[in-house]
């Protein structure tokens, strides 16, 4: 092998190593309890639309629109979103053909038929607010999402008729550094003290979902993660 060829190979290997280091630095920090069980799934998209058709792993958006979507599935929608200034919706499917429908609203309030789903989240006039309802053909349980930012402080939660999950902003990358020029890079989803899912919205788009969750929960978790990526794209919370 000539000296030129050896130099070319060495340069190529160095570039690959540097690229791997840069990519590693672009992954957000998550708990080891999740990272040891779930690999980051890169989120890609098709089409140049207001709501791109995002997809990852076995999940993909097959329809999106501004406004509201309804479903004839056996999902029992017990929530409503009122006082909305902007709405969008999308339909997502998994590899088995199960469908999840997500209705998102800016500056709306998620409510059940009895009372507010999220009494601990104050959505004031001066804050940036996002709410969503997620239903699926896989079960009859509705998921609600509420997130609000006021003066740079984030509060958020995910709730069903029977359970509540914490939605926690993540500000650090997995190398310990705080990401510059943004309030956060993604969100971690906790059931109690256990991280069961996470979504990174910037600078790369990645999703982690605990693999031993039931299929219907993974379906809604995937839809929720794509909803948060769409939120970031539309800059509803970070302005």
C-alpha atoms as a PDB file:
ATOM      1  CA  UNK A   1       0.000   0.000   0.000  1.00  0.00           C
ATOM      2  CA  UNK A   2       1.383   3.398  -0.974  1.00  0.00           C
ATOM      3  CA  UNK A   3       1.978   6.215   1.509  1.00  0.00           C
ATOM      4  CA  UNK A   4      -0.868   8.163  -0.126  1.00  0.00           C
ATOM      5  CA  UNK A   5      -3.276   5.252   0.325  1.00  0.00           C
ATOM      6  CA  UNK A   6      -2.253   4.826   3.970  1.00  0.00           C
ATOM      7  CA  UNK A   7      -2.783   8.552   4.568  1.00  0.00           C
ATOM      8  CA  UNK A   8      -6.219   8.377   2.915  1.00  0.00           C
ATOM      9  CA  UNK A   9      -7.283   5.395   5.052  1.00  0.00           C
ATOM     10  CA  UNK A  10      -6.034   7.083   8.233  1.00  0.00           C
ATOM     11  CA  UNK A  11      -7.901  10.289   7.371  1.00  0.00           C
ATOM     12  CA  UNK A  12     -11.094   8.342   6.663  1.00  0.00           C
ATOM     13  CA  UNK A  13     -10.882   6.483   9.968  1.00  0.00           C
ATOM     14  CA  UNK A  14     -10.289   9.763  11.815  1.00  0.00           C
ATOM     15  CA  UNK A  15     -13.330  11.359  10.155  1.00  0.00           C
ATOM     16  CA  UNK A  16     -15.493   8.371  11.105  1.00  0.00           C
ATOM     17  CA  UNK A  17     -14.266   8.568  14.706  1.00  0.00           C
ATOM     18  CA  UNK A  18     -14.929  12.312  14.869  1.00  0.00           C
ATOM     19  CA  UNK A  19     -18.391  11.852  13.364  1.00  0.00           C
ATOM     20  CA  UNK A  20     -19.199   9.154  15.913  1.00  0.00           C
ATOM     21  CA  UNK A  21     -18.073  11.482  18.717  1.00  0.00           C
ATOM     22  CA  UNK A  22     -20.200  14.349  17.396  1.00  0.00           C
ATOM     23  CA  UNK A  23     -23.243  12.091  17.047  1.00  0.00           C
ATOM     24  CA  UNK A  24     -22.761  10.789  20.581  1.00  0.00           C
ATOM     25  CA  UNK A  25     -22.648  14.362  21.869  1.00  0.00           C
ATOM     26  CA  UNK A  26     -26.005  15.056  20.199  1.00  0.00           C
ATOM     27  CA  UNK A  27     -27.897  12.457  22.261  1.00  0.00           C
ATOM     28  CA  UNK A  28     -29.779  13.821  25.253  1.00  0.00           C
ATOM     29  CA  UNK A  29     -29.346  12.525  28.779  1.00  0.00           C
ATOM     30  CA  UNK A  30     -31.743   9.799  29.969  1.00  0.00           C
ATOM     31  CA  UNK A  31     -31.815   7.524  33.010  1.00  0.00           C
ATOM     32  CA  UNK A  32     -29.691   4.382  32.844  1.00  0.00           C
ATOM     33  CA  UNK A  33     -32.798   2.340  33.715  1.00  0.00           C
ATOM     34  CA  UNK A  34     -34.177   3.304  30.289  1.00  0.00           C
ATOM     35  CA  UNK A  35     -30.982   3.555  28.251  1.00  0.00           C
ATOM     36  CA  UNK A  36     -29.944  -0.019  29.137  1.00  0.00           C
ATOM     37  CA  UNK A  37     -33.237  -1.385  27.800  1.00  0.00           C
ATOM     38  CA  UNK A  38     -34.148   0.922  24.917  1.00  0.00           C
ATOM     39  CA  UNK A  39     -31.967   2.223  22.105  1.00  0.00           C
ATOM     40  CA  UNK A  40     -32.650   5.694  20.656  1.00  0.00           C
ATOM     41  CA  UNK A  41     -34.885   5.428  17.601  1.00  0.00           C
ATOM     42  CA  UNK A  42     -34.138   8.192  15.129  1.00  0.00           C
ATOM     43  CA  UNK A  43     -37.215  10.068  13.954  1.00  0.00           C
ATOM     44  CA  UNK A  44     -37.305  10.852  10.245  1.00  0.00           C
ATOM     45  CA  UNK A  45     -39.969  12.403   8.063  1.00  0.00           C
ATOM     46  CA  UNK A  46     -41.443  12.442   4.591  1.00  0.00           C
ATOM     47  CA  UNK A  47     -42.867  15.444   2.799  1.00  0.00           C
ATOM     48  CA  UNK A  48     -42.447  19.185   3.221  1.00  0.00           C
ATOM     49  CA  UNK A  49     -45.724  19.992   4.930  1.00  0.00           C
ATOM     50  CA  UNK A  50     -46.914  22.054   7.899  1.00  0.00           C
ATOM     51  CA  UNK A  51     -47.013  18.736   9.770  1.00  0.00           C
ATOM     52  CA  UNK A  52     -44.433  16.386   8.201  1.00  0.00           C
ATOM     53  CA  UNK A  53     -45.175  12.670   8.160  1.00  0.00           C
ATOM     54  CA  UNK A  54     -42.782  11.662  10.915  1.00  0.00           C
ATOM     55  CA  UNK A  55     -41.864   8.018  11.407  1.00  0.00           C
ATOM     56  CA  UNK A  56     -39.579   5.825  13.525  1.00  0.00           C
ATOM     57  CA  UNK A  57     -39.263   2.117  14.237  1.00  0.00           C
ATOM     58  CA  UNK A  58     -42.710   0.592  13.447  1.00  0.00           C
ATOM     59  CA  UNK A  59     -44.636   3.846  13.927  1.00  0.00           C
ATOM     60  CA  UNK A  60     -45.511   6.396  11.263  1.00  0.00           C
ATOM     61  CA  UNK A  61     -47.878   9.300  10.680  1.00  0.00           C
ATOM     62  CA  UNK A  62     -50.185   8.593   7.765  1.00  0.00           C
ATOM     63  CA  UNK A  63     -52.404  11.676   7.883  1.00  0.00           C
ATOM     64  CA  UNK A  64     -52.194  15.173   9.351  1.00  0.00           C
ATOM     65  CA  UNK A  65     -54.246  18.347   9.107  1.00  0.00           C
ATOM     66  CA  UNK A  66     -54.989  21.646  10.750  1.00  0.00           C
ATOM     67  CA  UNK A  67     -58.170  21.441  12.774  1.00  0.00           C
ATOM     68  CA  UNK A  68     -59.781  18.447  14.451  1.00  0.00           C
ATOM     69  CA  UNK A  69     -60.068  14.711  13.788  1.00  0.00           C
ATOM     70  CA  UNK A  70     -62.786  12.341  14.972  1.00  0.00           C
ATOM     71  CA  UNK A  71     -62.797   8.548  14.938  1.00  0.00           C
ATOM     72  CA  UNK A  72     -65.318   5.769  14.541  1.00  0.00           C
ATOM     73  CA  UNK A  73     -63.143   3.354  16.518  1.00  0.00           C
ATOM     74  CA  UNK A  74     -64.262   1.907  19.832  1.00  0.00           C
ATOM     75  CA  UNK A  75     -62.175   4.473  21.700  1.00  0.00           C
ATOM     76  CA  UNK A  76     -64.210   6.253  24.371  1.00  0.00           C
ATOM     77  CA  UNK A  77     -63.283   9.933  24.185  1.00  0.00           C
ATOM     78  CA  UNK A  78     -64.143  11.402  27.571  1.00  0.00           C
ATOM     79  CA  UNK A  79     -62.106  14.574  27.273  1.00  0.00           C
ATOM     80  CA  UNK A  80     -62.604  17.857  25.472  1.00  0.00           C
ATOM     81  CA  UNK A  81     -60.327  20.742  24.619  1.00  0.00           C
ATOM     82  CA  UNK A  82     -61.854  24.191  24.874  1.00  0.00           C
ATOM     83  CA  UNK A  83     -60.770  27.814  24.406  1.00  0.00           C
ATOM     84  CA  UNK A  84     -58.348  26.863  21.658  1.00  0.00           C
ATOM     85  CA  UNK A  85     -56.516  29.410  19.511  1.00  0.00           C
ATOM     86  CA  UNK A  86     -54.891  26.878  17.168  1.00  0.00           C
ATOM     87  CA  UNK A  87     -55.526  23.205  16.500  1.00  0.00           C
ATOM     88  CA  UNK A  88     -53.874  20.418  14.529  1.00  0.00           C
ATOM     89  CA  UNK A  89     -54.292  16.660  14.386  1.00  0.00           C
ATOM     90  CA  UNK A  90     -52.606  13.579  13.021  1.00  0.00           C
ATOM     91  CA  UNK A  91     -53.194   9.858  12.617  1.00  0.00           C
ATOM     92  CA  UNK A  92     -50.393   7.394  13.379  1.00  0.00           C
ATOM     93  CA  UNK A  93     -50.243   3.626  12.856  1.00  0.00           C
ATOM     94  CA  UNK A  94     -47.966   0.846  14.090  1.00  0.00           C
ATOM     95  CA  UNK A  95     -46.734  -2.299  12.359  1.00  0.00           C
ATOM     96  CA  UNK A  96     -49.836  -4.253  13.395  1.00  0.00           C
ATOM     97  CA  UNK A  97     -52.143  -1.658  11.827  1.00  0.00           C
ATOM     98  CA  UNK A  98     -53.417  -0.224  15.112  1.00  0.00           C
ATOM     99  CA  UNK A  99     -54.311   3.453  14.858  1.00  0.00           C
ATOM    100  CA  UNK A 100     -53.723   6.364  17.218  1.00  0.00           C
ATOM    101  CA  UNK A 101     -55.393   9.739  16.700  1.00  0.00           C
ATOM    102  CA  UNK A 102     -53.904  12.842  18.278  1.00  0.00           C
ATOM    103  CA  UNK A 103     -55.788  16.140  18.566  1.00  0.00           C
ATOM    104  CA  UNK A 104     -53.533  18.992  19.676  1.00  0.00           C
ATOM    105  CA  UNK A 105     -54.417  22.482  20.751  1.00  0.00           C
ATOM    106  CA  UNK A 106     -52.492  25.638  21.535  1.00  0.00           C
ATOM    107  CA  UNK A 107     -53.742  27.603  24.548  1.00  0.00           C
ATOM    108  CA  UNK A 108     -56.546  25.106  25.172  1.00  0.00           C
ATOM    109  CA  UNK A 109     -57.623  23.319  28.344  1.00  0.00           C
ATOM    110  CA  UNK A 110     -58.010  19.542  28.609  1.00  0.00           C
ATOM    111  CA  UNK A 111     -61.058  18.575  30.654  1.00  0.00           C
ATOM    112  CA  UNK A 112     -62.938  15.388  31.472  1.00  0.00           C
ATOM    113  CA  UNK A 113     -66.717  15.261  31.614  1.00  0.00           C
ATOM    114  CA  UNK A 114     -66.565  15.808  35.384  1.00  0.00           C
ATOM    115  CA  UNK A 115     -63.672  18.176  36.125  1.00  0.00           C
ATOM    116  CA  UNK A 116     -60.274  19.348  34.953  1.00  0.00           C
ATOM    117  CA  UNK A 117     -57.791  16.554  34.250  1.00  0.00           C
ATOM    118  CA  UNK A 118     -54.899  18.769  35.270  1.00  0.00           C
ATOM    119  CA  UNK A 119     -55.753  20.912  38.304  1.00  0.00           C
ATOM    120  CA  UNK A 120     -52.050  21.414  39.132  1.00  0.00           C
ATOM    121  CA  UNK A 121     -51.166  23.007  35.787  1.00  0.00           C
ATOM    122  CA  UNK A 122     -52.075  26.688  35.602  1.00  0.00           C
ATOM    123  CA  UNK A 123     -52.574  27.950  32.058  1.00  0.00           C
ATOM    124  CA  UNK A 124     -52.498  31.715  32.383  1.00  0.00           C
ATOM    125  CA  UNK A 125     -52.983  34.205  29.597  1.00  0.00           C
ATOM    126  CA  UNK A 126     -49.303  35.078  29.539  1.00  0.00           C
ATOM    127  CA  UNK A 127     -48.036  31.492  29.280  1.00  0.00           C
ATOM    128  CA  UNK A 128     -47.442  29.196  26.323  1.00  0.00           C
ATOM    129  CA  UNK A 129     -49.782  26.217  26.572  1.00  0.00           C
ATOM    130  CA  UNK A 130     -50.214  22.953  24.682  1.00  0.00           C
ATOM    131  CA  UNK A 131     -52.838  20.288  25.282  1.00  0.00           C
ATOM    132  CA  UNK A 132     -53.663  17.079  23.447  1.00  0.00           C
ATOM    133  CA  UNK A 133     -55.976  14.092  23.500  1.00  0.00           C
ATOM    134  CA  UNK A 134     -54.743  10.697  22.270  1.00  0.00           C
ATOM    135  CA  UNK A 135     -57.099   7.836  21.434  1.00  0.00           C
ATOM    136  CA  UNK A 136     -56.445   4.538  19.691  1.00  0.00           C
ATOM    137  CA  UNK A 137     -58.129   1.559  18.100  1.00  0.00           C
ATOM    138  CA  UNK A 138     -56.167  -0.753  20.417  1.00  0.00           C
ATOM    139  CA  UNK A 139     -58.117   0.092  23.583  1.00  0.00           C
ATOM    140  CA  UNK A 140     -60.761   2.417  25.032  1.00  0.00           C
ATOM    141  CA  UNK A 141     -58.474   4.507  27.228  1.00  0.00           C
ATOM    142  CA  UNK A 142     -57.949   8.182  26.404  1.00  0.00           C
ATOM    143  CA  UNK A 143     -54.639   9.878  27.187  1.00  0.00           C
ATOM    144  CA  UNK A 144     -54.517  13.585  27.926  1.00  0.00           C
ATOM    145  CA  UNK A 145     -51.449  15.819  27.710  1.00  0.00           C
ATOM    146  CA  UNK A 146     -51.036  19.285  29.194  1.00  0.00           C
ATOM    147  CA  UNK A 147     -47.879  21.412  29.157  1.00  0.00           C
ATOM    148  CA  UNK A 148     -47.346  25.044  30.025  1.00  0.00           C
ATOM    149  CA  UNK A 149     -44.395  27.424  30.081  1.00  0.00           C
ATOM    150  CA  UNK A 150     -44.502  30.670  32.049  1.00  0.00           C
ATOM    151  CA  UNK A 151     -41.373  32.802  32.547  1.00  0.00           C
ATOM    152  CA  UNK A 152     -39.196  29.923  31.348  1.00  0.00           C
ATOM    153  CA  UNK A 153     -40.629  27.453  33.876  1.00  0.00           C
ATOM    154  CA  UNK A 154     -42.139  24.245  32.458  1.00  0.00           C
ATOM    155  CA  UNK A 155     -44.954  22.212  33.989  1.00  0.00           C
ATOM    156  CA  UNK A 156     -46.439  19.196  32.247  1.00  0.00           C
ATOM    157  CA  UNK A 157     -48.242  15.918  32.778  1.00  0.00           C
ATOM    158  CA  UNK A 158     -49.857  13.011  30.951  1.00  0.00           C
ATOM    159  CA  UNK A 159     -53.026  11.517  32.356  1.00  0.00           C
ATOM    160  CA  UNK A 160     -55.501   8.728  31.693  1.00  0.00           C
ATOM    161  CA  UNK A 161     -58.734   7.899  33.481  1.00  0.00           C
ATOM    162  CA  UNK A 162     -56.727   5.775  35.935  1.00  0.00           C
ATOM    163  CA  UNK A 163     -53.055   6.874  35.892  1.00  0.00           C
ATOM    164  CA  UNK A 164     -50.858   9.946  35.714  1.00  0.00           C
ATOM    165  CA  UNK A 165     -47.352  10.263  34.282  1.00  0.00           C
ATOM    166  CA  UNK A 166     -44.809  13.026  34.788  1.00  0.00           C
ATOM    167  CA  UNK A 167     -43.480  14.963  31.804  1.00  0.00           C
ATOM    168  CA  UNK A 168     -40.074  16.376  32.723  1.00  0.00           C
ATOM    169  CA  UNK A 169     -37.931  18.650  30.520  1.00  0.00           C
ATOM    170  CA  UNK A 170     -34.361  17.505  29.825  1.00  0.00           C
ATOM    171  CA  UNK A 171     -31.677  20.179  29.482  1.00  0.00           C
ATOM    172  CA  UNK A 172     -28.480  18.112  29.338  1.00  0.00           C
ATOM    173  CA  UNK A 173     -26.846  15.932  26.724  1.00  0.00           C
ATOM    174  CA  UNK A 174     -25.498  12.517  27.694  1.00  0.00           C
ATOM    175  CA  UNK A 175     -21.979  13.966  27.993  1.00  0.00           C
ATOM    176  CA  UNK A 176     -23.203  16.162  30.860  1.00  0.00           C
ATOM    177  CA  UNK A 177     -23.178  19.418  28.925  1.00  0.00           C
ATOM    178  CA  UNK A 178     -26.135  21.780  28.927  1.00  0.00           C
ATOM    179  CA  UNK A 179     -27.431  22.351  25.399  1.00  0.00           C
ATOM    180  CA  UNK A 180     -26.949  26.012  24.340  1.00  0.00           C
ATOM    181  CA  UNK A 181     -29.544  28.319  22.791  1.00  0.00           C
ATOM    182  CA  UNK A 182     -32.578  26.360  24.024  1.00  0.00           C
ATOM    183  CA  UNK A 183     -34.545  25.895  27.246  1.00  0.00           C
ATOM    184  CA  UNK A 184     -34.464  22.099  26.817  1.00  0.00           C
ATOM    185  CA  UNK A 185     -33.625  19.435  24.249  1.00  0.00           C
ATOM    186  CA  UNK A 186     -36.444  17.001  25.008  1.00  0.00           C
ATOM    187  CA  UNK A 187     -38.680  15.422  27.608  1.00  0.00           C
ATOM    188  CA  UNK A 188     -38.593  12.387  29.876  1.00  0.00           C
ATOM    189  CA  UNK A 189     -41.763  10.469  30.760  1.00  0.00           C
ATOM    190  CA  UNK A 190     -41.950   8.975  34.240  1.00  0.00           C
ATOM    191  CA  UNK A 191     -44.339   6.545  35.868  1.00  0.00           C
ATOM    192  CA  UNK A 192     -43.629   7.205  39.508  1.00  0.00           C
ATOM    193  CA  UNK A 193     -39.839   7.369  39.713  1.00  0.00           C
ATOM    194  CA  UNK A 194     -39.199   5.119  36.694  1.00  0.00           C
ATOM    195  CA  UNK A 195     -38.447   6.625  33.282  1.00  0.00           C
ATOM    196  CA  UNK A 196     -40.548   4.673  30.781  1.00  0.00           C
ATOM    197  CA  UNK A 197     -40.046   6.841  27.715  1.00  0.00           C
ATOM    198  CA  UNK A 198     -38.280   9.904  26.379  1.00  0.00           C
ATOM    199  CA  UNK A 199     -38.301  12.132  23.329  1.00  0.00           C
ATOM    200  CA  UNK A 200     -35.495  14.332  22.034  1.00  0.00           C
ATOM    201  CA  UNK A 201     -36.629  17.193  19.806  1.00  0.00           C
ATOM    202  CA  UNK A 202     -33.333  19.007  19.126  1.00  0.00           C
ATOM    203  CA  UNK A 203     -30.647  19.036  17.762  1.00  0.00           C
ATOM    204  CA  UNK A 204     -31.539  15.490  16.689  1.00  0.00           C
ATOM    205  CA  UNK A 205     -34.924  13.791  16.924  1.00  0.00           C
ATOM    206  CA  UNK A 206     -34.915  10.546  18.904  1.00  0.00           C
ATOM    207  CA  UNK A 207     -37.433   8.461  20.834  1.00  0.00           C
ATOM    208  CA  UNK A 208     -36.937   5.894  23.600  1.00  0.00           C
ATOM    209  CA  UNK A 209     -39.805   3.609  24.708  1.00  0.00           C
ATOM    210  CA  UNK A 210     -39.498   0.931  27.371  1.00  0.00           C
ATOM    211  CA  UNK A 211     -39.813  -2.335  25.397  1.00  0.00           C
ATOM    212  CA  UNK A 212     -41.726  -4.289  28.051  1.00  0.00           C
ATOM    213  CA  UNK A 213     -44.689  -1.890  28.077  1.00  0.00           C
ATOM    214  CA  UNK A 214     -47.992  -3.305  26.739  1.00  0.00           C
ATOM    215  CA  UNK A 215     -48.474  -2.728  23.009  1.00  0.00           C
ATOM    216  CA  UNK A 216     -51.373  -0.292  23.493  1.00  0.00           C
ATOM    217  CA  UNK A 217     -49.272   1.834  25.871  1.00  0.00           C
ATOM    218  CA  UNK A 218     -46.335   1.833  23.467  1.00  0.00           C
ATOM    219  CA  UNK A 219     -48.678   2.950  20.688  1.00  0.00           C
ATOM    220  CA  UNK A 220     -49.886   5.961  22.691  1.00  0.00           C
ATOM    221  CA  UNK A 221     -46.385   6.663  23.957  1.00  0.00           C
ATOM    222  CA  UNK A 222     -45.114   6.798  20.368  1.00  0.00           C
ATOM    223  CA  UNK A 223     -47.965   9.138  19.406  1.00  0.00           C
ATOM    224  CA  UNK A 224     -47.230  11.342  22.411  1.00  0.00           C
ATOM    225  CA  UNK A 225     -43.543  11.562  21.497  1.00  0.00           C
ATOM    226  CA  UNK A 226     -44.368  12.577  17.929  1.00  0.00           C
ATOM    227  CA  UNK A 227     -46.810  15.165  19.293  1.00  0.00           C
ATOM    228  CA  UNK A 228     -43.992  16.728  21.330  1.00  0.00           C
ATOM    229  CA  UNK A 229     -41.732  16.774  18.264  1.00  0.00           C
ATOM    230  CA  UNK A 230     -44.494  18.477  16.265  1.00  0.00           C
ATOM    231  CA  UNK A 231     -44.900  20.966  19.110  1.00  0.00           C
ATOM    232  CA  UNK A 232     -41.193  21.769  18.919  1.00  0.00           C
ATOM    233  CA  UNK A 233     -41.375  22.159  15.164  1.00  0.00           C
ATOM    234  CA  UNK A 234     -44.251  24.613  15.516  1.00  0.00           C
ATOM    235  CA  UNK A 235     -42.525  26.337  18.466  1.00  0.00           C
ATOM    236  CA  UNK A 236     -45.648  26.384  20.589  1.00  0.00           C
ATOM    237  CA  UNK A 237     -43.719  26.201  23.871  1.00  0.00           C
ATOM    238  CA  UNK A 238     -40.330  27.624  22.930  1.00  0.00           C
ATOM    239  CA  UNK A 239     -40.621  31.066  21.415  1.00  0.00           C
END
